[in-house]
C-alpha atoms as a PDB file:
ATOM      1  CA  MET A   1      25.123 -26.300 -10.771  1.00  0.00           C
ATOM      2  CA  ALA A   2      27.883 -23.459  -8.852  1.00  0.00           C
ATOM      3  CA  GLY A   3      30.772 -25.831  -9.178  1.00  0.00           C
ATOM      4  CA  GLU A   4      32.741 -23.622 -10.293  1.00  0.00           C
ATOM      5  CA  ARG A   5      36.082 -22.507  -8.007  1.00  0.00           C
ATOM      6  CA  VAL A   6      37.367 -18.980  -7.945  1.00  0.00           C
ATOM      7  CA  LYS A   7      40.347 -17.234  -7.162  1.00  0.00           C
ATOM      8  CA  LEU A   8      40.384 -14.409  -5.357  1.00  0.00           C
ATOM      9  CA  VAL A   9      43.377 -12.309  -3.814  1.00  0.00           C
ATOM     10  CA  VAL A  10      41.954 -10.411  -0.920  1.00  0.00           C
ATOM     11  CA  GLN A  11      43.939  -7.802   1.828  1.00  0.00           C
ATOM     12  CA  GLU A  12      43.837  -7.664   5.058  1.00  0.00           C
ATOM     13  CA  ARG A  13      43.173  -4.397   6.982  1.00  0.00           C
ATOM     14  CA  GLU A  14      44.003  -3.666  10.103  1.00  0.00           C
ATOM     15  CA  SER A  15      41.383  -0.480  10.766  1.00  0.00           C
ATOM     16  CA  ARG A  16      38.157  -1.003  11.261  1.00  0.00           C
ATOM     17  CA  GLY A  17      35.620   1.321  11.999  1.00  0.00           C
ATOM     18  CA  THR A  18      33.433   3.693   9.975  1.00  0.00           C
ATOM     19  CA  ARG A  19      35.933   6.212   8.751  1.00  0.00           C
ATOM     20  CA  PRO A  20      38.870   3.658   7.712  1.00  0.00           C
ATOM     21  CA  SER A  21      35.841   1.787   5.738  1.00  0.00           C
ATOM     22  CA  ARG A  22      35.254   5.116   3.945  1.00  0.00           C
ATOM     23  CA  ARG A  23      38.457   6.020   3.108  1.00  0.00           C
ATOM     24  CA  LEU A  24      38.736   2.250   1.587  1.00  0.00           C
ATOM     25  CA  ARG A  25      35.456   3.076  -0.514  1.00  0.00           C
ATOM     26  CA  ARG A  26      37.502   5.673  -1.778  1.00  0.00           C
ATOM     27  CA  GLU A  27      39.892   3.615  -3.015  1.00  0.00           C
ATOM     28  CA  GLY A  28      37.789   1.684  -4.811  1.00  0.00           C
ATOM     29  CA  LEU A  29      38.335  -0.857  -2.388  1.00  0.00           C
ATOM     30  CA  ILE A  30      35.528  -3.060  -0.364  1.00  0.00           C
ATOM     31  CA  PRO A  31      35.916  -3.903   3.606  1.00  0.00           C
ATOM     32  CA  GLY A  32      34.509  -7.234   4.334  1.00  0.00           C
ATOM     33  CA  VAL A  33      35.499  -9.901   6.910  1.00  0.00           C
ATOM     34  CA  LEU A  34      36.303 -13.528   6.225  1.00  0.00           C
ATOM     35  CA  TYR A  35      34.697 -16.041   8.727  1.00  0.00           C
ATOM     36  CA  GLY A  36      36.502 -19.256   9.637  1.00  0.00           C
ATOM     37  CA  GLN A  37      35.527 -22.437  10.677  1.00  0.00           C
ATOM     38  CA  GLY A  38      36.456 -21.969  14.407  1.00  0.00           C
ATOM     39  CA  LYS A  39      39.767 -19.105  13.861  1.00  0.00           C
ATOM     40  CA  THR A  40      39.698 -16.022  14.575  1.00  0.00           C
ATOM     41  CA  PRO A  41      38.328 -14.100  11.501  1.00  0.00           C
ATOM     42  CA  HIS A  42      40.255 -11.969   8.886  1.00  0.00           C
ATOM     43  CA  ALA A  43      39.411  -7.978   8.774  1.00  0.00           C
ATOM     44  CA  ILE A  44      39.757  -7.998   4.911  1.00  0.00           C
ATOM     45  CA  CYS A  45      39.616  -5.559   1.847  1.00  0.00           C
ATOM     46  CA  VAL A  46      38.962  -6.542  -1.720  1.00  0.00           C
ATOM     47  CA  PRO A  47      38.679  -4.107  -4.864  1.00  0.00           C
ATOM     48  CA  GLU A  48      35.829  -3.435  -6.385  1.00  0.00           C
ATOM     49  CA  ARG A  49      36.313  -4.902  -9.866  1.00  0.00           C
ATOM     50  CA  GLU A  50      37.776  -7.261  -8.825  1.00  0.00           C
ATOM     51  CA  LEU A  51      34.975  -8.307  -6.175  1.00  0.00           C
ATOM     52  CA  ARG A  52      32.061  -8.038  -9.090  1.00  0.00           C
ATOM     53  CA  ARG A  53      34.291  -9.638 -11.418  1.00  0.00           C
ATOM     54  CA  VAL A  54      33.760 -13.101  -9.415  1.00  0.00           C
ATOM     55  CA  LEU A  55      30.444 -12.708  -8.552  1.00  0.00           C
ATOM     56  CA  THR A  56      29.103 -12.025 -11.628  1.00  0.00           C
ATOM     57  CA  GLY A  57      30.597 -14.950 -13.318  1.00  0.00           C
ATOM     58  CA  ALA A  58      28.581 -18.509 -14.191  1.00  0.00           C
ATOM     59  CA  GLY A  59      28.401 -19.426 -10.498  1.00  0.00           C
ATOM     60  CA  GLY A  60      26.689 -15.879  -9.282  1.00  0.00           C
ATOM     61  CA  LEU A  61      26.465 -15.584  -5.773  1.00  0.00           C
ATOM     62  CA  HIS A  62      26.744 -19.073  -4.936  1.00  0.00           C
ATOM     63  CA  THR A  63      30.786 -19.305  -6.676  1.00  0.00           C
ATOM     64  CA  ILE A  64      32.429 -21.118  -4.559  1.00  0.00           C
ATOM     65  CA  LEU A  65      35.892 -18.691  -3.869  1.00  0.00           C
ATOM     66  CA  ASP A  66      39.136 -19.789  -2.724  1.00  0.00           C
ATOM     67  CA  VAL A  67      39.886 -16.656  -1.161  1.00  0.00           C
ATOM     68  CA  VAL A  68      43.645 -16.157  -0.944  1.00  0.00           C
ATOM     69  CA  LEU A  69      45.173 -12.962   1.714  1.00  0.00           C
ATOM     70  CA  GLU A  70      47.805 -11.375  -0.151  1.00  0.00           C
ATOM     71  CA  GLY A  71      51.886 -12.656   0.622  1.00  0.00           C
ATOM     72  CA  GLN A  72      49.793 -16.098   1.345  1.00  0.00           C
ATOM     73  CA  THR A  73      49.174 -19.099  -0.535  1.00  0.00           C
ATOM     74  CA  THR A  74      47.036 -21.425   0.801  1.00  0.00           C
ATOM     75  CA  PRO A  75      43.407 -20.607  -0.097  1.00  0.00           C
ATOM     76  CA  HIS A  76      40.382 -20.767   2.048  1.00  0.00           C
ATOM     77  CA  HIS A  77      37.214 -21.909   0.585  1.00  0.00           C
ATOM     78  CA  ALA A  78      34.859 -19.588   1.276  1.00  0.00           C
ATOM     79  CA  VAL A  79      31.023 -18.268  -0.064  1.00  0.00           C
ATOM     80  CA  LEU A  80      29.484 -15.002  -0.180  1.00  0.00           C
ATOM     81  CA  LYS A  81      27.482 -15.100   2.932  1.00  0.00           C
ATOM     82  CA  GLU A  82      25.986 -11.483   3.790  1.00  0.00           C
ATOM     83  CA  TYR A  83      27.287  -8.164   1.093  1.00  0.00           C
ATOM     84  CA  GLN A  84      25.389  -4.525   1.829  1.00  0.00           C
ATOM     85  CA  GLN A  85      24.929  -2.115  -1.222  1.00  0.00           C
ATOM     86  CA  ASP A  86      24.166   1.582  -1.131  1.00  0.00           C
ATOM     87  CA  PRO A  87      20.959   2.348  -1.487  1.00  0.00           C
ATOM     88  CA  ILE A  88      21.113   5.133  -4.099  1.00  0.00           C
ATOM     89  CA  ARG A  89      23.816   4.194  -6.192  1.00  0.00           C
ATOM     90  CA  GLY A  90      23.751   0.231  -5.802  1.00  0.00           C
ATOM     91  CA  ARG A  91      27.253  -0.347  -4.921  1.00  0.00           C
ATOM     92  CA  LEU A  92      28.518  -3.076  -2.972  1.00  0.00           C
ATOM     93  CA  THR A  93      29.840  -1.041   0.527  1.00  0.00           C
ATOM     94  CA  HIS A  94      30.462  -4.200   2.615  1.00  0.00           C
ATOM     95  CA  VAL A  95      30.789  -8.418   2.338  1.00  0.00           C
ATOM     96  CA  ASP A  96      30.909 -11.036   4.783  1.00  0.00           C
ATOM     97  CA  PHE A  97      33.177 -14.643   3.431  1.00  0.00           C
ATOM     98  CA  HIS A  98      32.235 -17.954   5.485  1.00  0.00           C
ATOM     99  CA  GLU A  99      34.465 -20.263   5.195  1.00  0.00           C
ATOM    100  CA  VAL A 100      33.041 -23.922   4.337  1.00  0.00           C
ATOM    101  CA  ARG A 101      34.358 -27.225   3.458  1.00  0.00           C
ATOM    102  CA  LEU A 102      33.925 -29.129   0.052  1.00  0.00           C
ATOM    103  CA  ASP A 103      32.998 -32.457   1.818  1.00  0.00           C
ATOM    104  CA  ARG A 104      30.241 -30.727   3.719  1.00  0.00           C
ATOM    105  CA  PRO A 105      26.527 -29.556   2.861  1.00  0.00           C
ATOM    106  CA  ILE A 106      26.075 -26.022   3.595  1.00  0.00           C
ATOM    107  CA  GLN A 107      22.540 -24.020   3.169  1.00  0.00           C
ATOM    108  CA  ALA A 108      21.710 -21.083   0.917  1.00  0.00           C
ATOM    109  CA  SER A 109      18.989 -19.130  -0.731  1.00  0.00           C
ATOM    110  CA  VAL A 110      18.665 -20.037  -4.784  1.00  0.00           C
ATOM    111  CA  ALA A 111      16.684 -17.859  -7.188  1.00  0.00           C
ATOM    112  CA  VAL A 112      13.425 -19.391  -9.033  1.00  0.00           C
ATOM    113  CA  GLN A 113      13.190 -18.495 -12.741  1.00  0.00           C
ATOM    114  CA  LEU A 114       9.416 -19.129 -14.056  1.00  0.00           C
ATOM    115  CA  VAL A 115      10.000 -20.443 -17.318  1.00  0.00           C
ATOM    116  CA  GLY A 116       7.040 -20.716 -20.395  1.00  0.00           C
ATOM    117  CA  GLU A 117       3.827 -18.912 -20.905  1.00  0.00           C
ATOM    118  CA  PRO A 118       0.797 -20.163 -19.066  1.00  0.00           C
ATOM    119  CA  ALA A 119      -2.294 -21.246 -20.127  1.00  0.00           C
ATOM    120  CA  GLY A 120      -4.540 -19.255 -18.509  1.00  0.00           C
ATOM    121  CA  VAL A 121      -2.653 -16.104 -19.826  1.00  0.00           C
ATOM    122  CA  GLU A 122      -3.397 -16.606 -23.146  1.00  0.00           C
ATOM    123  CA  GLU A 123      -7.105 -16.191 -21.635  1.00  0.00           C
ATOM    124  CA  GLY A 124      -6.879 -12.338 -20.321  1.00  0.00           C
ATOM    125  CA  GLY A 125      -5.329 -14.201 -16.459  1.00  0.00           C
ATOM    126  CA  VAL A 126      -2.073 -12.861 -14.929  1.00  0.00           C
ATOM    127  CA  LEU A 127       1.123 -14.993 -13.945  1.00  0.00           C
ATOM    128  CA  SER A 128       2.485 -13.651 -10.362  1.00  0.00           C
ATOM    129  CA  GLN A 129       5.560 -14.794  -8.780  1.00  0.00           C
ATOM    130  CA  VAL A 130       4.599 -15.043  -5.348  1.00  0.00           C
ATOM    131  CA  THR A 131       8.040 -16.025  -3.771  1.00  0.00           C
ATOM    132  CA  ARG A 132      11.241 -15.700  -5.503  1.00  0.00           C
ATOM    133  CA  GLU A 133      14.131 -17.526  -3.776  1.00  0.00           C
ATOM    134  CA  VAL A 134      13.674 -20.783  -1.747  1.00  0.00           C
ATOM    135  CA  ASN A 135      15.707 -22.762   0.438  1.00  0.00           C
ATOM    136  CA  VAL A 136      17.986 -25.100  -0.146  1.00  0.00           C
ATOM    137  CA  GLU A 137      21.225 -27.964   1.294  1.00  0.00           C
ATOM    138  CA  ALA A 138      23.746 -29.229  -0.644  1.00  0.00           C
ATOM    139  CA  LEU A 139      27.361 -30.044  -0.803  1.00  0.00           C
ATOM    140  CA  PRO A 140      29.409 -26.716  -1.287  1.00  0.00           C
ATOM    141  CA  MET A 141      29.763 -27.562  -5.053  1.00  0.00           C
ATOM    142  CA  GLU A 142      26.185 -28.445  -5.533  1.00  0.00           C
ATOM    143  CA  ILE A 143      24.078 -25.771  -4.698  1.00  0.00           C
ATOM    144  CA  PRO A 144      22.351 -24.354  -8.278  1.00  0.00           C
ATOM    145  CA  GLU A 145      22.782 -21.296  -9.624  1.00  0.00           C
ATOM    146  CA  HIS A 146      18.975 -21.245 -10.146  1.00  0.00           C
ATOM    147  CA  LEU A 147      16.020 -23.155 -10.301  1.00  0.00           C
ATOM    148  CA  GLU A 148      13.752 -23.380 -13.288  1.00  0.00           C
ATOM    149  CA  LEU A 149       9.616 -23.893 -12.766  1.00  0.00           C
ATOM    150  CA  ASP A 150       7.897 -24.638 -15.623  1.00  0.00           C
ATOM    151  CA  VAL A 151       4.359 -22.650 -15.525  1.00  0.00           C
ATOM    152  CA  SER A 152       3.018 -23.388 -19.638  1.00  0.00           C
ATOM    153  CA  GLY A 153      -0.176 -25.885 -18.033  1.00  0.00           C
ATOM    154  CA  MET A 154      -0.989 -23.262 -16.136  1.00  0.00           C
ATOM    155  CA  GLY A 155      -4.434 -22.280 -16.346  1.00  0.00           C
ATOM    156  CA  ILE A 156      -6.578 -19.351 -14.550  1.00  0.00           C
ATOM    157  CA  GLY A 157      -6.766 -20.713 -11.020  1.00  0.00           C
ATOM    158  CA  ASP A 158      -3.811 -22.836 -10.747  1.00  0.00           C
ATOM    159  CA  SER A 159      -0.732 -22.127  -8.395  1.00  0.00           C
ATOM    160  CA  LEU A 160       2.404 -23.738  -8.317  1.00  0.00           C
ATOM    161  CA  ARG A 161       4.350 -24.829  -5.207  1.00  0.00           C
ATOM    162  CA  ALA A 162       7.554 -25.689  -3.996  1.00  0.00           C
ATOM    163  CA  GLY A 163       6.700 -29.170  -4.073  1.00  0.00           C
ATOM    164  CA  ASP A 164       6.409 -28.926  -8.058  1.00  0.00           C
ATOM    165  CA  LEU A 165       9.805 -28.543  -8.104  1.00  0.00           C
ATOM    166  CA  SER A 166      12.049 -30.543 -10.231  1.00  0.00           C
ATOM    167  CA  ALA A 167      14.216 -33.129  -8.049  1.00  0.00           C
ATOM    168  CA  ILE A 168      17.942 -32.568  -8.290  1.00  0.00           C
ATOM    169  CA  GLU A 169      19.584 -35.365  -6.956  1.00  0.00           C
ATOM    170  CA  GLY A 170      22.033 -34.120  -4.084  1.00  0.00           C
ATOM    171  CA  VAL A 171      20.152 -30.969  -3.036  1.00  0.00           C
ATOM    172  CA  THR A 172      16.760 -30.829  -0.609  1.00  0.00           C
ATOM    173  CA  PHE A 173      14.351 -28.608  -0.211  1.00  0.00           C
ATOM    174  CA  LEU A 174      13.848 -27.195   2.641  1.00  0.00           C
ATOM    175  CA  ASP A 175      10.968 -25.096   2.698  1.00  0.00           C
ATOM    176  CA  ASP A 176       7.277 -26.069   3.363  1.00  0.00           C
ATOM    177  CA  PRO A 177       6.373 -27.667   0.100  1.00  0.00           C
ATOM    178  CA  GLU A 178       2.791 -25.998   0.289  1.00  0.00           C
ATOM    179  CA  THR A 179       4.649 -22.403  -0.043  1.00  0.00           C
ATOM    180  CA  VAL A 180       3.418 -21.279  -3.166  1.00  0.00           C
ATOM    181  CA  LEU A 181       5.358 -20.100  -5.642  1.00  0.00           C
ATOM    182  CA  ALA A 182       3.379 -18.396  -8.542  1.00  0.00           C
ATOM    183  CA  THR A 183      -0.447 -18.202  -9.345  1.00  0.00           C
ATOM    184  CA  VAL A 184      -2.464 -17.310 -12.120  1.00  0.00           C
ATOM    185  CA  THR A 185      -5.350 -15.281 -11.576  1.00  0.00           C
ATOM    186  CA  LEU A 186      -8.278 -13.101 -13.056  1.00  0.00           C
ATOM    187  CA  PRO A 187      -7.237  -9.380 -13.083  1.00  0.00           C
ATOM    188  CA  THR A 188      -8.542  -7.144 -10.735  1.00  0.00           C
ATOM    189  CA  GLN A 189     -12.055  -5.165 -12.111  1.00  0.00           C
ATOM    190  CA  ILE A 190     -12.280  -1.965 -10.316  1.00  0.00           C
ATOM    191  CA  VAL A 191     -15.908  -1.140  -9.922  1.00  0.00           C
ATOM    192  CA  GLU A 192     -17.377   2.184  -9.831  1.00  0.00           C
ATOM    193  CA  PRO A 193     -19.685   2.991  -6.670  1.00  0.00           C
ATOM    194  CA  GLU A 194     -23.108   4.291  -7.757  1.00  0.00           C
ATOM    195  CA  GLU A 195     -24.153   7.900  -7.278  1.00  0.00           C
ATOM    196  CA  GLU A 196     -26.016   7.673  -4.416  1.00  0.00           C
ATOM    197  CA  LEU A 197     -28.510  11.147  -3.045  1.00  0.00           C
ATOM    198  CA  GLU A 198     -26.984  12.875   0.200  1.00  0.00           C
ATOM    199  CA  GLU A 199     -29.980  12.669   2.873  1.00  0.00           C
ATOM    200  CA  GLY A 200     -32.489  15.632   2.680  1.00  0.00           C
ATOM    201  CA  GLU A 201     -31.350  15.665  -1.020  1.00  0.00           C
ATOM    202  CA  GLU A 202     -34.585  15.225  -3.593  1.00  0.00           C
ATOM    203  CA  PRO A 203     -34.244  13.606  -6.945  1.00  0.00           C
ATOM    204  CA  VAL A 204     -34.525  15.996 -10.368  1.00  0.00           C
ATOM    205  CA  GLU A 205     -37.921  16.134 -11.815  1.00  0.00           C
ATOM    206  CA  GLY A 206     -37.939  13.301 -14.621  1.00  0.00           C
ATOM    207  CA  GLU A 207     -35.023  11.286 -13.341  1.00  0.00           C
ATOM    208  CA  ALA A 208     -35.073   8.322 -11.396  1.00  0.00           C
ATOM    209  CA  VAL A 209     -33.534   7.665  -8.557  1.00  0.00           C
ATOM    210  CA  PRO A 210     -30.201   6.146  -9.256  1.00  0.00           C
ATOM    211  CA  GLY A 211     -30.246   2.458  -8.869  1.00  0.00           C
ATOM    212  CA  GLU A 212     -33.915   2.151  -9.093  1.00  0.00           C
ATOM    213  CA  GLU A 213     -36.070   1.759 -12.228  1.00  0.00           C
ATOM    214  CA  ALA A 214     -38.518   3.888 -13.419  1.00  0.00           C
ATOM    215  CA  PRO A 215     -42.454   2.395 -13.983  1.00  0.00           C
ATOM    216  CA  GLU A 216     -44.051   1.314 -17.096  1.00  0.00           C
ATOM    217  CA  GLY A 217     -45.355   4.357 -18.755  1.00  0.00           C
ATOM    218  CA  ALA A 218     -43.794   6.964 -16.223  1.00  0.00           C
ATOM    219  CA  ALA A 219     -41.657   8.370 -19.049  1.00  0.00           C
ATOM    220  CA  GLU A 220     -44.236  11.200 -19.878  1.00  0.00           C
ATOM    221  CA  ALA A 221     -44.424  14.505 -17.822  1.00  0.00           C
ATOM    222  CA  PRO A 222     -48.235  14.204 -16.758  1.00  0.00           C
ATOM    223  CA  ALA A 223     -50.317  17.466 -18.673  1.00  0.00           C
ATOM    224  CA  GLU A 224     -50.756  21.071 -16.974  1.00  0.00           C
ATOM    225  CA  PRO A 225     -53.620  21.650 -15.013  1.00  0.00           C
ATOM    226  CA  GLY A 226     -56.497  23.437 -17.120  1.00  0.00           C
ATOM    227  CA  GLY A 227     -55.531  21.518 -20.607  1.00  0.00           C
ATOM    228  CA  GLU A 228     -57.900  19.256 -22.392  1.00  0.00           C
ATOM    229  CA  SER A 229     -56.211  15.947 -20.609  1.00  0.00           C
ATOM    230  CA  ALA A 230     -57.769  17.582 -17.241  1.00  0.00           C
ATOM    231  CA  ARG A 231     -61.295  17.891 -18.746  1.00  0.00           C
ATOM    232  CA  GLU A 232     -63.792  15.327 -17.198  1.00  0.00           C
ATOM    233  CA  PRO A 233     -65.499  13.027 -19.791  1.00  0.00           C
ATOM    234  CA  GLY A 234     -68.688  14.132 -21.095  1.00  0.00           C
ATOM    235  CA  THR A 235     -68.811  18.023 -20.421  1.00  0.00           C
ATOM    236  CA  ALA A 236     -68.434  20.356 -22.937  1.00  0.00           C
ATOM    237  CA  GLU A 237     -67.549  24.047 -23.550  1.00  0.00           C
ATOM    238  CA  GLY A 238     -70.347  27.050 -21.868  1.00  0.00           C
END
């Protein structure tokens, strides 16, 4: 479970907009917003190293954060709701935290991890993970870090669905039970198309037309006219 609370000290920021956000990033700070329950959102910034530290711990992206505004002592229990990354460098560029109550369920997307080696793969099949995350509802401290799906019993042509996930006490799966999570299929075979003659093109003498077999006994070319095989039976040379 993600039942771990980590303290995260953040700073309030006065300026919003593209230019101030760029300046903060150059200083190693990530701009963000802390949304409260029925409260005015706080525009914040947090050191990038500190943010990465708390989000790469045991709870991962589902870590329950005790967000503390610099200069205050009262923590805001919050979760990471959304984040943005630089598409090239992969660095975080913006984060949104949502304050939660620890005694009320929340909804979250949880990664599905495949475990085991399918029997169908040993027979030449290909394992594919169709869906990588499922939606769940649980108390904030009970949100799983990930869900495991045992695929070892899968043969060629088999599929596992959301309904095949093991039940977890206190966790409700929200997706359709028929949602396909993993399949084992035969590898795709590439069939080379047969060469076809273009319109008006004659086949080369002695070669069969593509797609057709030569008739029996037609393997030898006919004798030239005037040869011995061309004389009629019973005639003699004059």
